[in-house]
N, C-alpha and C. Protein backbone atom coordinates (compact mmCIF):
# COMPACT_ATOMS: atom_id res chain seq x y z
N UNK A 1 25.80 -39.82 26.19
CA UNK A 1 25.42 -40.97 26.97
C UNK A 1 26.67 -41.80 27.27
N UNK A 2 26.68 -42.38 28.44
CA UNK A 2 27.81 -43.21 28.84
C UNK A 2 27.50 -44.67 28.59
N UNK A 3 28.52 -45.40 28.27
CA UNK A 3 28.37 -46.84 28.07
C UNK A 3 28.67 -47.55 29.38
N UNK A 4 27.96 -48.61 29.61
CA UNK A 4 28.25 -49.43 30.79
C UNK A 4 29.54 -50.19 30.56
N UNK A 5 30.35 -50.29 31.62
CA UNK A 5 31.60 -51.03 31.50
C UNK A 5 31.35 -52.53 31.46
N UNK A 6 30.36 -52.99 32.20
CA UNK A 6 30.07 -54.42 32.26
C UNK A 6 29.25 -54.80 31.04
N UNK A 7 29.77 -55.70 30.23
CA UNK A 7 29.16 -56.04 28.95
C UNK A 7 28.21 -57.23 29.04
N UNK A 8 28.38 -58.08 30.00
CA UNK A 8 27.55 -59.27 30.08
C UNK A 8 28.26 -60.36 30.85
N UNK A 9 27.75 -61.58 30.77
CA UNK A 9 28.39 -62.67 31.52
C UNK A 9 29.77 -63.00 30.96
N UNK A 10 30.62 -63.50 31.84
CA UNK A 10 31.97 -63.90 31.45
C UNK A 10 31.95 -65.25 30.77
N UNK A 11 32.94 -65.53 29.93
CA UNK A 11 33.09 -66.90 29.44
C UNK A 11 33.45 -67.83 30.60
N UNK A 12 33.20 -69.10 30.43
CA UNK A 12 33.41 -70.07 31.51
C UNK A 12 34.86 -70.09 31.98
N UNK A 13 35.81 -70.04 31.08
CA UNK A 13 37.22 -70.10 31.48
C UNK A 13 37.59 -68.90 32.35
N UNK A 14 37.05 -67.72 32.03
CA UNK A 14 37.36 -66.52 32.81
C UNK A 14 36.71 -66.59 34.19
N UNK A 15 35.51 -67.14 34.27
CA UNK A 15 34.86 -67.32 35.57
C UNK A 15 35.65 -68.27 36.46
N UNK A 16 36.15 -69.35 35.88
CA UNK A 16 36.92 -70.33 36.65
C UNK A 16 38.22 -69.71 37.15
N UNK A 17 38.96 -69.04 36.26
CA UNK A 17 40.23 -68.43 36.65
C UNK A 17 40.00 -67.35 37.72
N UNK A 18 39.02 -66.51 37.50
CA UNK A 18 38.71 -65.46 38.47
C UNK A 18 38.31 -66.05 39.82
N UNK A 19 37.45 -67.06 39.78
CA UNK A 19 37.00 -67.69 41.02
C UNK A 19 38.12 -68.37 41.78
N UNK A 20 38.99 -69.08 41.06
CA UNK A 20 40.11 -69.79 41.72
C UNK A 20 41.06 -68.79 42.38
N UNK A 21 41.44 -67.75 41.66
CA UNK A 21 42.37 -66.79 42.23
C UNK A 21 41.74 -65.97 43.36
N UNK A 22 40.46 -65.68 43.27
CA UNK A 22 39.78 -64.96 44.36
C UNK A 22 39.72 -65.83 45.62
N UNK A 23 39.42 -67.11 45.46
CA UNK A 23 39.36 -68.01 46.62
C UNK A 23 40.74 -68.23 47.22
N UNK A 24 41.76 -68.39 46.37
CA UNK A 24 43.13 -68.56 46.88
C UNK A 24 43.58 -67.30 47.63
N UNK A 25 43.29 -66.13 47.08
CA UNK A 25 43.65 -64.88 47.77
C UNK A 25 42.95 -64.73 49.10
N UNK A 26 41.66 -65.05 49.13
CA UNK A 26 40.92 -64.96 50.39
C UNK A 26 41.43 -65.99 51.40
N UNK A 27 41.80 -67.17 50.92
CA UNK A 27 42.32 -68.21 51.83
C UNK A 27 43.64 -67.77 52.46
N UNK A 28 44.53 -67.21 51.67
CA UNK A 28 45.80 -66.75 52.22
C UNK A 28 45.60 -65.61 53.20
N UNK A 29 44.67 -64.70 52.91
CA UNK A 29 44.38 -63.62 53.85
C UNK A 29 43.81 -64.17 55.15
N UNK A 30 42.95 -65.17 55.06
CA UNK A 30 42.37 -65.77 56.27
C UNK A 30 43.44 -66.52 57.07
N UNK A 31 44.30 -67.25 56.39
CA UNK A 31 45.38 -67.97 57.08
C UNK A 31 46.30 -66.98 57.80
N UNK A 32 46.62 -65.87 57.14
CA UNK A 32 47.44 -64.84 57.79
C UNK A 32 46.76 -64.25 59.02
N UNK A 33 45.45 -64.05 58.94
CA UNK A 33 44.71 -63.52 60.08
C UNK A 33 44.68 -64.52 61.23
N UNK A 34 44.46 -65.79 60.91
CA UNK A 34 44.46 -66.81 61.97
C UNK A 34 45.85 -66.95 62.59
N UNK A 35 46.90 -66.84 61.78
CA UNK A 35 48.26 -66.89 62.31
C UNK A 35 48.54 -65.73 63.25
N UNK A 36 48.00 -64.57 62.94
CA UNK A 36 48.19 -63.41 63.80
C UNK A 36 47.57 -63.64 65.17
N UNK A 37 46.45 -64.33 65.20
CA UNK A 37 45.75 -64.56 66.46
C UNK A 37 46.34 -65.75 67.22
N UNK A 38 46.74 -66.80 66.51
CA UNK A 38 47.08 -68.07 67.15
C UNK A 38 48.54 -68.23 67.55
N UNK A 39 49.46 -67.61 66.86
CA UNK A 39 50.88 -67.83 67.18
C UNK A 39 51.22 -67.16 68.51
N UNK A 40 52.17 -67.76 69.28
CA UNK A 40 52.36 -67.35 70.67
C UNK A 40 53.13 -66.04 70.88
N UNK A 41 54.20 -65.79 70.15
CA UNK A 41 55.02 -64.61 70.43
C UNK A 41 54.94 -63.62 69.28
N UNK A 42 55.33 -62.39 69.57
CA UNK A 42 55.29 -61.35 68.53
C UNK A 42 56.18 -61.72 67.35
N UNK A 43 57.36 -62.24 67.61
CA UNK A 43 58.31 -62.52 66.54
C UNK A 43 57.82 -63.64 65.63
N UNK A 44 57.07 -64.58 66.15
CA UNK A 44 56.45 -65.61 65.31
C UNK A 44 55.19 -65.07 64.64
N UNK A 45 54.47 -64.23 65.35
CA UNK A 45 53.19 -63.73 64.89
C UNK A 45 53.33 -62.75 63.72
N UNK A 46 54.45 -62.11 63.59
CA UNK A 46 54.59 -61.05 62.59
C UNK A 46 54.65 -61.59 61.15
N UNK A 47 55.08 -62.84 60.97
CA UNK A 47 55.25 -63.38 59.62
C UNK A 47 53.93 -63.75 58.95
N UNK A 48 52.99 -64.26 59.71
CA UNK A 48 51.75 -64.78 59.11
C UNK A 48 50.96 -63.71 58.36
N UNK A 49 50.67 -62.55 58.93
CA UNK A 49 49.90 -61.57 58.16
C UNK A 49 50.69 -60.95 57.02
N UNK A 50 51.99 -60.84 57.17
CA UNK A 50 52.79 -60.27 56.09
C UNK A 50 52.77 -61.16 54.86
N UNK A 51 53.04 -62.44 55.07
CA UNK A 51 53.03 -63.37 53.94
C UNK A 51 51.62 -63.57 53.40
N UNK A 52 50.65 -63.66 54.29
CA UNK A 52 49.27 -63.82 53.86
C UNK A 52 48.77 -62.64 53.05
N UNK A 53 49.13 -61.44 53.49
CA UNK A 53 48.71 -60.24 52.77
C UNK A 53 49.36 -60.16 51.41
N UNK A 54 50.63 -60.47 51.33
CA UNK A 54 51.34 -60.36 50.05
C UNK A 54 50.80 -61.36 49.03
N UNK A 55 50.73 -62.63 49.40
CA UNK A 55 50.24 -63.65 48.46
C UNK A 55 48.76 -63.43 48.17
N UNK A 56 48.00 -63.05 49.18
CA UNK A 56 46.57 -62.80 48.98
C UNK A 56 46.31 -61.65 48.03
N UNK A 57 47.06 -60.57 48.18
CA UNK A 57 46.88 -59.42 47.30
C UNK A 57 47.28 -59.76 45.86
N UNK A 58 48.35 -60.50 45.68
CA UNK A 58 48.75 -60.88 44.32
C UNK A 58 47.70 -61.78 43.67
N UNK A 59 47.13 -62.71 44.43
CA UNK A 59 46.09 -63.58 43.87
C UNK A 59 44.84 -62.79 43.51
N UNK A 60 44.43 -61.90 44.39
CA UNK A 60 43.26 -61.08 44.08
C UNK A 60 43.53 -60.11 42.93
N UNK A 61 44.77 -59.67 42.79
CA UNK A 61 45.12 -58.82 41.66
C UNK A 61 44.98 -59.58 40.34
N UNK A 62 45.44 -60.81 40.31
CA UNK A 62 45.30 -61.62 39.09
C UNK A 62 43.82 -61.83 38.77
N UNK A 63 43.02 -62.13 39.80
CA UNK A 63 41.58 -62.30 39.58
C UNK A 63 40.95 -61.01 39.04
N UNK A 64 41.35 -59.87 39.58
CA UNK A 64 40.82 -58.59 39.11
C UNK A 64 41.22 -58.31 37.68
N UNK A 65 42.48 -58.57 37.34
CA UNK A 65 42.96 -58.33 35.98
C UNK A 65 42.21 -59.20 34.98
N UNK A 66 42.04 -60.47 35.30
CA UNK A 66 41.32 -61.37 34.38
C UNK A 66 39.88 -60.92 34.22
N UNK A 67 39.21 -60.63 35.32
CA UNK A 67 37.79 -60.27 35.26
C UNK A 67 37.56 -59.00 34.44
N UNK A 68 38.26 -57.93 34.78
CA UNK A 68 38.02 -56.66 34.10
C UNK A 68 38.60 -56.62 32.69
N UNK A 69 39.64 -57.40 32.42
CA UNK A 69 40.16 -57.47 31.06
C UNK A 69 39.17 -58.16 30.13
N UNK A 70 38.55 -59.24 30.60
CA UNK A 70 37.57 -59.94 29.77
C UNK A 70 36.30 -59.10 29.64
N UNK A 71 35.88 -58.45 30.70
CA UNK A 71 34.66 -57.63 30.65
C UNK A 71 34.83 -56.42 29.73
N UNK A 72 35.96 -55.78 29.79
CA UNK A 72 36.18 -54.56 29.03
C UNK A 72 36.80 -54.77 27.67
N UNK A 73 37.14 -56.02 27.33
CA UNK A 73 37.77 -56.36 26.05
C UNK A 73 39.08 -55.60 25.82
N UNK A 74 39.77 -55.27 26.91
CA UNK A 74 41.11 -54.68 26.81
C UNK A 74 41.86 -55.05 28.08
N UNK A 75 43.18 -54.94 28.02
CA UNK A 75 44.01 -55.32 29.14
C UNK A 75 43.88 -54.31 30.28
N UNK A 76 43.53 -54.78 31.47
CA UNK A 76 43.30 -53.94 32.64
C UNK A 76 44.45 -54.17 33.62
N UNK A 77 45.38 -53.23 33.68
CA UNK A 77 46.56 -53.40 34.52
C UNK A 77 46.62 -52.43 35.69
N UNK A 78 45.56 -51.68 35.94
CA UNK A 78 45.57 -50.71 37.04
C UNK A 78 45.74 -51.39 38.39
N UNK A 79 45.22 -52.59 38.52
CA UNK A 79 45.27 -53.29 39.81
C UNK A 79 46.69 -53.68 40.20
N UNK A 80 47.59 -53.74 39.24
CA UNK A 80 48.98 -54.10 39.56
C UNK A 80 49.61 -53.06 40.49
N UNK A 81 49.19 -51.81 40.38
CA UNK A 81 49.75 -50.78 41.27
C UNK A 81 49.47 -51.10 42.73
N UNK A 82 48.29 -51.58 43.04
CA UNK A 82 47.97 -51.93 44.42
C UNK A 82 48.89 -53.05 44.90
N UNK A 83 49.05 -54.08 44.09
CA UNK A 83 49.91 -55.20 44.48
C UNK A 83 51.35 -54.76 44.64
N UNK A 84 51.83 -53.89 43.79
CA UNK A 84 53.21 -53.40 43.89
C UNK A 84 53.40 -52.60 45.18
N UNK A 85 52.45 -51.75 45.51
CA UNK A 85 52.58 -50.96 46.74
C UNK A 85 52.53 -51.86 47.97
N UNK A 86 51.67 -52.86 47.97
CA UNK A 86 51.63 -53.80 49.10
C UNK A 86 52.92 -54.60 49.18
N UNK A 87 53.44 -55.04 48.03
CA UNK A 87 54.69 -55.81 48.01
C UNK A 87 55.88 -54.97 48.48
N UNK A 88 55.82 -53.67 48.27
CA UNK A 88 56.91 -52.80 48.72
C UNK A 88 56.77 -52.40 50.19
N UNK A 89 55.55 -52.15 50.63
CA UNK A 89 55.38 -51.61 51.98
C UNK A 89 55.29 -52.68 53.06
N UNK A 90 54.76 -53.85 52.77
CA UNK A 90 54.59 -54.89 53.80
C UNK A 90 55.94 -55.35 54.38
N UNK A 91 56.94 -55.68 53.57
CA UNK A 91 58.22 -56.09 54.17
C UNK A 91 58.93 -54.96 54.93
N UNK A 92 58.84 -53.74 54.42
CA UNK A 92 59.49 -52.62 55.10
C UNK A 92 58.84 -52.36 56.45
N UNK A 93 57.52 -52.39 56.48
CA UNK A 93 56.80 -52.21 57.74
C UNK A 93 57.14 -53.32 58.72
N UNK A 94 57.23 -54.54 58.22
CA UNK A 94 57.58 -55.68 59.08
C UNK A 94 58.97 -55.51 59.68
N UNK A 95 59.91 -55.06 58.89
CA UNK A 95 61.27 -54.86 59.38
C UNK A 95 61.29 -53.81 60.50
N UNK A 96 60.58 -52.70 60.29
CA UNK A 96 60.54 -51.67 61.33
C UNK A 96 59.87 -52.16 62.60
N UNK A 97 58.78 -52.91 62.48
CA UNK A 97 58.10 -53.44 63.66
C UNK A 97 58.99 -54.43 64.42
N UNK A 98 59.68 -55.30 63.68
CA UNK A 98 60.55 -56.28 64.34
C UNK A 98 61.73 -55.60 65.01
N UNK A 99 62.30 -54.61 64.36
CA UNK A 99 63.43 -53.91 64.98
C UNK A 99 63.01 -53.18 66.25
N UNK A 100 61.84 -52.56 66.22
CA UNK A 100 61.35 -51.88 67.41
C UNK A 100 61.07 -52.88 68.53
N UNK A 101 60.47 -54.02 68.20
CA UNK A 101 60.19 -55.03 69.22
C UNK A 101 61.48 -55.65 69.75
N UNK A 102 62.46 -55.85 68.88
CA UNK A 102 63.74 -56.40 69.31
C UNK A 102 64.46 -55.42 70.24
N UNK A 103 64.44 -54.15 69.90
CA UNK A 103 65.05 -53.14 70.78
C UNK A 103 64.36 -53.12 72.13
N UNK A 104 63.04 -53.17 72.12
CA UNK A 104 62.29 -53.16 73.38
C UNK A 104 62.58 -54.41 74.20
N UNK A 105 62.66 -55.57 73.54
CA UNK A 105 62.94 -56.80 74.27
C UNK A 105 64.34 -56.80 74.86
N UNK A 106 65.29 -56.18 74.17
CA UNK A 106 66.67 -56.14 74.69
C UNK A 106 66.81 -55.18 75.86
N UNK A 107 65.95 -54.19 75.95
CA UNK A 107 66.08 -53.20 77.01
C UNK A 107 65.29 -53.57 78.26
N UNK A 108 64.45 -54.57 78.19
CA UNK A 108 63.70 -55.00 79.39
C UNK A 108 64.40 -56.19 80.02
N UNK A 109 64.16 -56.39 81.29
CA UNK A 109 64.78 -57.51 82.01
C UNK A 109 64.26 -58.85 81.52
N UNK A 110 62.99 -58.92 81.22
CA UNK A 110 62.39 -60.19 80.78
C UNK A 110 62.92 -60.59 79.41
N UNK A 111 63.05 -59.62 78.50
CA UNK A 111 63.46 -59.93 77.14
C UNK A 111 64.93 -60.27 76.98
N UNK A 112 65.78 -59.87 77.91
CA UNK A 112 67.21 -60.11 77.76
C UNK A 112 67.56 -61.58 77.79
N UNK A 113 66.77 -62.38 78.45
CA UNK A 113 67.05 -63.81 78.52
C UNK A 113 66.55 -64.56 77.30
N UNK A 114 65.59 -63.99 76.57
CA UNK A 114 64.99 -64.68 75.44
C UNK A 114 65.50 -64.20 74.09
N UNK A 115 66.10 -63.04 74.03
CA UNK A 115 66.52 -62.44 72.77
C UNK A 115 68.04 -62.45 72.69
N UNK A 116 68.62 -62.86 71.57
CA UNK A 116 70.08 -62.86 71.45
C UNK A 116 70.63 -61.43 71.50
N UNK A 117 71.86 -61.28 71.95
CA UNK A 117 72.45 -59.94 72.03
C UNK A 117 72.70 -59.39 70.62
N UNK A 118 72.94 -58.09 70.54
CA UNK A 118 73.23 -57.51 69.22
C UNK A 118 74.48 -58.11 68.62
N UNK A 119 74.53 -58.12 67.31
CA UNK A 119 75.67 -58.67 66.60
C UNK A 119 76.89 -57.80 66.81
N UNK A 120 78.05 -58.43 66.96
CA UNK A 120 79.29 -57.68 67.13
C UNK A 120 80.16 -57.75 65.88
N UNK A 121 79.55 -58.12 64.76
CA UNK A 121 80.33 -58.27 63.54
C UNK A 121 80.69 -56.92 62.92
N UNK A 122 79.90 -55.86 63.18
CA UNK A 122 80.23 -54.55 62.65
C UNK A 122 81.06 -53.78 63.65
N UNK A 123 82.01 -53.00 63.18
CA UNK A 123 82.80 -52.19 64.12
C UNK A 123 81.97 -51.04 64.65
N UNK A 124 82.25 -50.64 65.88
CA UNK A 124 81.59 -49.48 66.47
C UNK A 124 82.11 -48.22 65.81
N UNK A 125 81.43 -47.11 66.04
CA UNK A 125 81.82 -45.86 65.39
C UNK A 125 83.22 -45.37 65.80
N UNK A 126 83.59 -45.59 67.03
CA UNK A 126 84.87 -45.07 67.50
C UNK A 126 85.99 -46.11 67.49
N UNK A 127 85.73 -47.33 67.01
CA UNK A 127 86.75 -48.36 66.98
C UNK A 127 87.12 -48.68 65.53
N UNK A 128 88.40 -48.93 65.30
CA UNK A 128 88.80 -49.31 63.93
C UNK A 128 88.35 -50.73 63.64
N UNK A 129 88.13 -51.06 62.37
CA UNK A 129 87.72 -52.44 62.04
C UNK A 129 88.80 -53.45 62.38
N UNK A 130 88.37 -54.64 62.74
CA UNK A 130 89.32 -55.71 63.09
C UNK A 130 90.06 -56.16 61.86
N UNK A 131 91.36 -56.47 62.03
CA UNK A 131 92.18 -56.88 60.89
C UNK A 131 92.06 -58.35 60.60
């Protein structure tokens, strides 16, 4: 026979901590979603969901750890893997999206007036570095 993982109601302190972190995580996710819709340009719009997703996932991870650790009477750290993967992939994805958008904006006539030119601080492949 298998035992149920859920043992019963949580203590009040665990309910409060779980509820606060779940609401904070949901609020950050909602703010990121609204920022994605409301901000005017792609370069401004890209930051809101990235930051909202990262902070939201970490808050929900803490809520999950508290809830399942108290319910199971042991430390539940499996949820940290999700937060770590989101923390690693969200910034990398954002960098690739911004670089692709920046390249596209520099190659179009409309974007050349709004986007700064590429940096000239690095030497080109066929030129020696400046002394």
